[in-house]
Amino acid sequence: SIVSKPTILLYATQHISTDILKPVLYGIEEEGLPVVIEFHSGTHMTMADLASRNSALSVGIGVDDEAIVLTYKNIPAHQFIYRLTGYAQYPDS
């Protein structure tokens, strides 16, 4: 869905643990930015790209069991600003 107010969109696969999302959400909250979480199917890259295109801030985050990716609408879909991998090694995830 398209969100018109300044909001970061975080798209995640349905099975992602809230324990994985918490540090990301805390960081966004610390910056004082609103975030909306939606569950989608796809890869971290396709979800991040879609989220950035639907966000009024042009910033999207995609999360699957391989990576967390932050991207910006005006860069090519296969590129990203930041990617975190290896978080599945954390206990309870």
N, C-alpha and C. Protein backbone atom coordinates (compact mmCIF):
# COMPACT_ATOMS: atom_id res chain seq x y z
N SER A 1 0.83 -1.19 0.00
CA SER A 1 0.00 0.00 0.00
C SER A 1 0.87 1.25 0.00
N ILE A 2 0.38 2.32 -0.58
CA ILE A 2 1.13 3.57 -0.64
C ILE A 2 0.78 4.41 0.58
N VAL A 3 1.82 4.86 1.27
CA VAL A 3 1.65 5.68 2.47
C VAL A 3 2.08 7.09 2.12
N SER A 4 1.20 8.10 2.34
CA SER A 4 1.51 9.46 1.92
C SER A 4 2.20 10.29 3.00
N LYS A 5 2.04 9.96 4.27
CA LYS A 5 2.75 10.72 5.30
C LYS A 5 4.20 10.26 5.36
N PRO A 6 5.11 11.12 5.83
CA PRO A 6 6.53 10.74 5.89
C PRO A 6 6.75 9.53 6.80
N THR A 7 6.92 8.39 6.19
CA THR A 7 7.02 7.13 6.92
C THR A 7 8.02 6.22 6.22
N ILE A 8 8.81 5.53 7.02
CA ILE A 8 9.65 4.47 6.48
C ILE A 8 8.81 3.21 6.43
N LEU A 9 8.84 2.53 5.32
CA LEU A 9 8.12 1.27 5.20
C LEU A 9 9.08 0.11 5.37
N LEU A 10 8.73 -0.83 6.22
CA LEU A 10 9.51 -2.04 6.43
C LEU A 10 8.65 -3.21 5.98
N TYR A 11 9.10 -3.89 4.95
CA TYR A 11 8.41 -5.06 4.43
C TYR A 11 9.21 -6.29 4.84
N ALA A 12 8.53 -7.23 5.46
CA ALA A 12 9.19 -8.45 5.94
C ALA A 12 8.38 -9.67 5.53
N THR A 13 9.07 -10.80 5.44
CA THR A 13 8.36 -12.04 5.19
C THR A 13 7.62 -12.43 6.47
N GLN A 14 6.55 -13.15 6.31
CA GLN A 14 5.63 -13.47 7.41
C GLN A 14 6.31 -14.19 8.58
N HIS A 15 7.31 -15.00 8.31
CA HIS A 15 7.90 -15.83 9.37
C HIS A 15 9.06 -15.15 10.12
N ILE A 16 9.36 -13.89 9.82
CA ILE A 16 10.46 -13.20 10.50
C ILE A 16 10.09 -12.95 11.96
N SER A 17 11.01 -13.28 12.85
CA SER A 17 10.81 -13.11 14.28
C SER A 17 10.82 -11.63 14.66
N THR A 18 9.97 -11.26 15.60
CA THR A 18 9.98 -9.89 16.10
C THR A 18 11.30 -9.56 16.78
N ASP A 19 12.01 -10.58 17.29
CA ASP A 19 13.32 -10.34 17.89
C ASP A 19 14.32 -9.81 16.87
N ILE A 20 14.17 -10.20 15.62
CA ILE A 20 15.05 -9.69 14.56
C ILE A 20 14.67 -8.26 14.20
N LEU A 21 13.39 -7.95 14.22
CA LEU A 21 12.93 -6.62 13.85
C LEU A 21 13.18 -5.57 14.94
N LYS A 22 13.21 -5.98 16.20
CA LYS A 22 13.31 -5.02 17.31
C LYS A 22 14.49 -4.06 17.19
N PRO A 23 15.73 -4.53 16.97
CA PRO A 23 16.84 -3.57 16.88
C PRO A 23 16.66 -2.55 15.75
N VAL A 24 16.11 -2.99 14.63
CA VAL A 24 15.87 -2.08 13.51
C VAL A 24 14.83 -1.04 13.91
N LEU A 25 13.76 -1.49 14.53
CA LEU A 25 12.69 -0.58 14.94
C LEU A 25 13.17 0.39 16.01
N TYR A 26 13.99 -0.07 16.94
CA TYR A 26 14.54 0.81 17.97
C TYR A 26 15.39 1.90 17.34
N GLY A 27 16.20 1.54 16.36
CA GLY A 27 17.04 2.53 15.68
C GLY A 27 16.23 3.58 14.95
N ILE A 28 15.16 3.15 14.28
CA ILE A 28 14.29 4.09 13.58
C ILE A 28 13.59 5.00 14.58
N GLU A 29 13.11 4.41 15.68
CA GLU A 29 12.44 5.18 16.72
C GLU A 29 13.38 6.22 17.33
N GLU A 30 14.64 5.83 17.53
CA GLU A 30 15.64 6.74 18.09
C GLU A 30 15.84 7.97 17.21
N GLU A 31 15.68 7.80 15.92
CA GLU A 31 15.80 8.92 14.98
C GLU A 31 14.51 9.73 14.88
N GLY A 32 13.46 9.27 15.55
CA GLY A 32 12.19 10.00 15.56
C GLY A 32 11.39 9.86 14.29
N LEU A 33 11.61 8.79 13.56
CA LEU A 33 10.89 8.58 12.30
C LEU A 33 9.80 7.53 12.47
N PRO A 34 8.64 7.78 11.89
CA PRO A 34 7.59 6.76 11.95
C PRO A 34 7.90 5.62 10.99
N VAL A 35 7.47 4.43 11.38
CA VAL A 35 7.69 3.25 10.55
C VAL A 35 6.41 2.43 10.51
N VAL A 36 6.14 1.86 9.37
CA VAL A 36 5.00 0.96 9.19
C VAL A 36 5.55 -0.39 8.76
N ILE A 37 5.11 -1.45 9.43
CA ILE A 37 5.54 -2.81 9.09
C ILE A 37 4.42 -3.50 8.32
N GLU A 38 4.78 -4.09 7.21
CA GLU A 38 3.83 -4.89 6.43
C GLU A 38 4.51 -6.20 6.07
N PHE A 39 3.72 -7.25 5.98
CA PHE A 39 4.27 -8.56 5.62
C PHE A 39 3.98 -8.84 4.15
N HIS A 40 5.03 -9.22 3.44
CA HIS A 40 4.97 -9.47 2.01
C HIS A 40 5.75 -10.75 1.69
N SER A 41 5.60 -11.22 0.49
CA SER A 41 6.45 -12.31 0.02
C SER A 41 7.49 -11.70 -0.91
N GLY A 42 8.60 -12.38 -1.05
CA GLY A 42 9.66 -11.90 -1.92
C GLY A 42 11.00 -11.93 -1.22
N THR A 43 12.01 -11.45 -1.92
CA THR A 43 13.35 -11.38 -1.34
C THR A 43 13.53 -10.05 -0.61
N HIS A 44 14.57 -9.99 0.21
CA HIS A 44 14.85 -8.74 0.92
C HIS A 44 15.02 -7.58 -0.07
N MET A 45 15.64 -7.83 -1.21
CA MET A 45 15.86 -6.77 -2.20
C MET A 45 14.56 -6.32 -2.86
N THR A 46 13.72 -7.27 -3.27
CA THR A 46 12.47 -6.88 -3.93
C THR A 46 11.54 -6.17 -2.96
N MET A 47 11.51 -6.63 -1.71
CA MET A 47 10.66 -5.98 -0.71
C MET A 47 11.16 -4.58 -0.38
N ALA A 48 12.48 -4.42 -0.23
CA ALA A 48 13.06 -3.10 0.07
C ALA A 48 12.78 -2.12 -1.07
N ASP A 49 12.94 -2.58 -2.30
CA ASP A 49 12.68 -1.72 -3.46
C ASP A 49 11.22 -1.31 -3.51
N LEU A 50 10.31 -2.26 -3.33
CA LEU A 50 8.88 -1.94 -3.33
C LEU A 50 8.54 -0.98 -2.20
N ALA A 51 9.08 -1.23 -1.01
CA ALA A 51 8.81 -0.36 0.13
C ALA A 51 9.30 1.06 -0.14
N SER A 52 10.48 1.20 -0.74
CA SER A 52 11.01 2.55 -1.02
C SER A 52 10.14 3.28 -2.03
N ARG A 53 9.60 2.56 -2.98
CA ARG A 53 8.74 3.18 -3.99
C ARG A 53 7.37 3.57 -3.42
N ASN A 54 6.93 2.90 -2.36
CA ASN A 54 5.64 3.20 -1.75
C ASN A 54 5.74 4.18 -0.58
N SER A 55 6.94 4.48 -0.14
CA SER A 55 7.15 5.34 1.02
C SER A 55 7.23 6.81 0.61
N ALA A 56 6.55 7.69 1.35
CA ALA A 56 6.64 9.13 1.09
C ALA A 56 8.05 9.65 1.34
N LEU A 57 8.84 8.97 2.16
CA LEU A 57 10.23 9.35 2.40
C LEU A 57 11.18 8.72 1.37
N SER A 58 10.64 7.87 0.51
CA SER A 58 11.43 7.15 -0.51
C SER A 58 12.45 6.20 0.09
N VAL A 59 12.23 5.80 1.34
CA VAL A 59 13.13 4.88 2.04
C VAL A 59 12.37 3.60 2.34
N GLY A 60 12.98 2.47 2.01
CA GLY A 60 12.34 1.19 2.28
C GLY A 60 13.31 0.20 2.88
N ILE A 61 12.77 -0.69 3.70
CA ILE A 61 13.55 -1.75 4.32
C ILE A 61 12.89 -3.07 3.96
N GLY A 62 13.70 -4.03 3.55
CA GLY A 62 13.22 -5.38 3.26
C GLY A 62 13.91 -6.37 4.17
N VAL A 63 13.14 -7.28 4.75
CA VAL A 63 13.69 -8.25 5.70
C VAL A 63 13.21 -9.65 5.34
N ASP A 64 14.17 -10.55 5.14
CA ASP A 64 13.85 -11.97 5.03
C ASP A 64 14.86 -12.73 5.87
N ASP A 65 14.88 -14.05 5.74
CA ASP A 65 15.78 -14.82 6.60
C ASP A 65 17.24 -14.77 6.15
N GLU A 66 17.53 -14.07 5.05
CA GLU A 66 18.91 -13.92 4.58
C GLU A 66 19.53 -12.58 4.93
N ALA A 67 18.74 -11.51 4.90
CA ALA A 67 19.31 -10.18 5.10
C ALA A 67 18.25 -9.15 5.46
N ILE A 68 18.75 -8.05 6.01
CA ILE A 68 17.98 -6.83 6.21
C ILE A 68 18.61 -5.80 5.29
N VAL A 69 17.81 -5.18 4.43
CA VAL A 69 18.33 -4.23 3.45
C VAL A 69 17.57 -2.91 3.57
N LEU A 70 18.33 -1.82 3.53
CA LEU A 70 17.76 -0.48 3.48
C LEU A 70 18.10 0.09 2.11
N THR A 71 17.09 0.64 1.44
CA THR A 71 17.34 1.21 0.12
C THR A 71 16.57 2.51 -0.06
N TYR A 72 16.88 3.17 -1.15
CA TYR A 72 16.29 4.46 -1.49
C TYR A 72 15.69 4.36 -2.89
N LYS A 73 14.55 4.99 -3.06
CA LYS A 73 13.80 4.87 -4.31
C LYS A 73 14.61 5.26 -5.56
N ASN A 74 15.50 6.21 -5.45
CA ASN A 74 16.18 6.75 -6.62
C ASN A 74 17.47 6.03 -6.99
N ILE A 75 17.72 4.87 -6.39
CA ILE A 75 18.87 4.07 -6.83
C ILE A 75 18.34 2.81 -7.51
N PRO A 76 19.13 2.20 -8.38
CA PRO A 76 18.65 1.00 -9.08
C PRO A 76 18.18 -0.10 -8.12
N ALA A 77 17.19 -0.86 -8.55
CA ALA A 77 16.55 -1.86 -7.70
C ALA A 77 17.51 -2.90 -7.15
N HIS A 78 18.59 -3.19 -7.84
CA HIS A 78 19.53 -4.22 -7.38
C HIS A 78 20.60 -3.66 -6.44
N GLN A 79 20.57 -2.35 -6.18
CA GLN A 79 21.55 -1.73 -5.27
C GLN A 79 20.88 -1.39 -3.96
N PHE A 80 21.68 -1.08 -2.95
CA PHE A 80 21.14 -0.77 -1.63
C PHE A 80 22.07 0.20 -0.92
N ILE A 81 21.57 0.81 0.14
CA ILE A 81 22.37 1.71 0.97
C ILE A 81 23.09 0.92 2.05
N TYR A 82 22.38 -0.02 2.64
CA TYR A 82 22.94 -0.80 3.74
C TYR A 82 22.35 -2.20 3.72
N ARG A 83 23.18 -3.19 4.03
CA ARG A 83 22.69 -4.57 4.13
C ARG A 83 23.34 -5.24 5.34
N LEU A 84 22.53 -5.92 6.12
CA LEU A 84 22.99 -6.68 7.27
C LEU A 84 22.66 -8.14 7.04
N THR A 85 23.67 -9.00 7.15
CA THR A 85 23.45 -10.44 7.02
C THR A 85 24.01 -11.13 8.26
N GLY A 86 23.66 -12.38 8.43
CA GLY A 86 24.21 -13.17 9.52
C GLY A 86 23.48 -13.01 10.84
N TYR A 87 22.39 -12.28 10.87
CA TYR A 87 21.66 -12.08 12.12
C TYR A 87 20.92 -13.32 12.55
N ALA A 88 20.73 -14.29 11.67
CA ALA A 88 20.03 -15.53 12.04
C ALA A 88 20.82 -16.33 13.05
N GLN A 89 22.07 -15.95 13.30
CA GLN A 89 22.90 -16.65 14.27
C GLN A 89 22.55 -16.27 15.70
N TYR A 90 21.77 -15.19 15.86
CA TYR A 90 21.41 -14.77 17.20
C TYR A 90 20.54 -15.82 17.88
N PRO A 91 20.69 -16.00 19.18
CA PRO A 91 19.82 -16.94 19.89
C PRO A 91 18.36 -16.52 19.76
N ASP A 92 17.48 -17.46 19.82
CA ASP A 92 16.03 -17.23 19.78
C ASP A 92 15.54 -16.70 18.44
N SER A 93 16.35 -16.82 17.38
CA SER A 93 15.85 -16.34 16.09
C SER A 93 15.76 -17.48 15.11
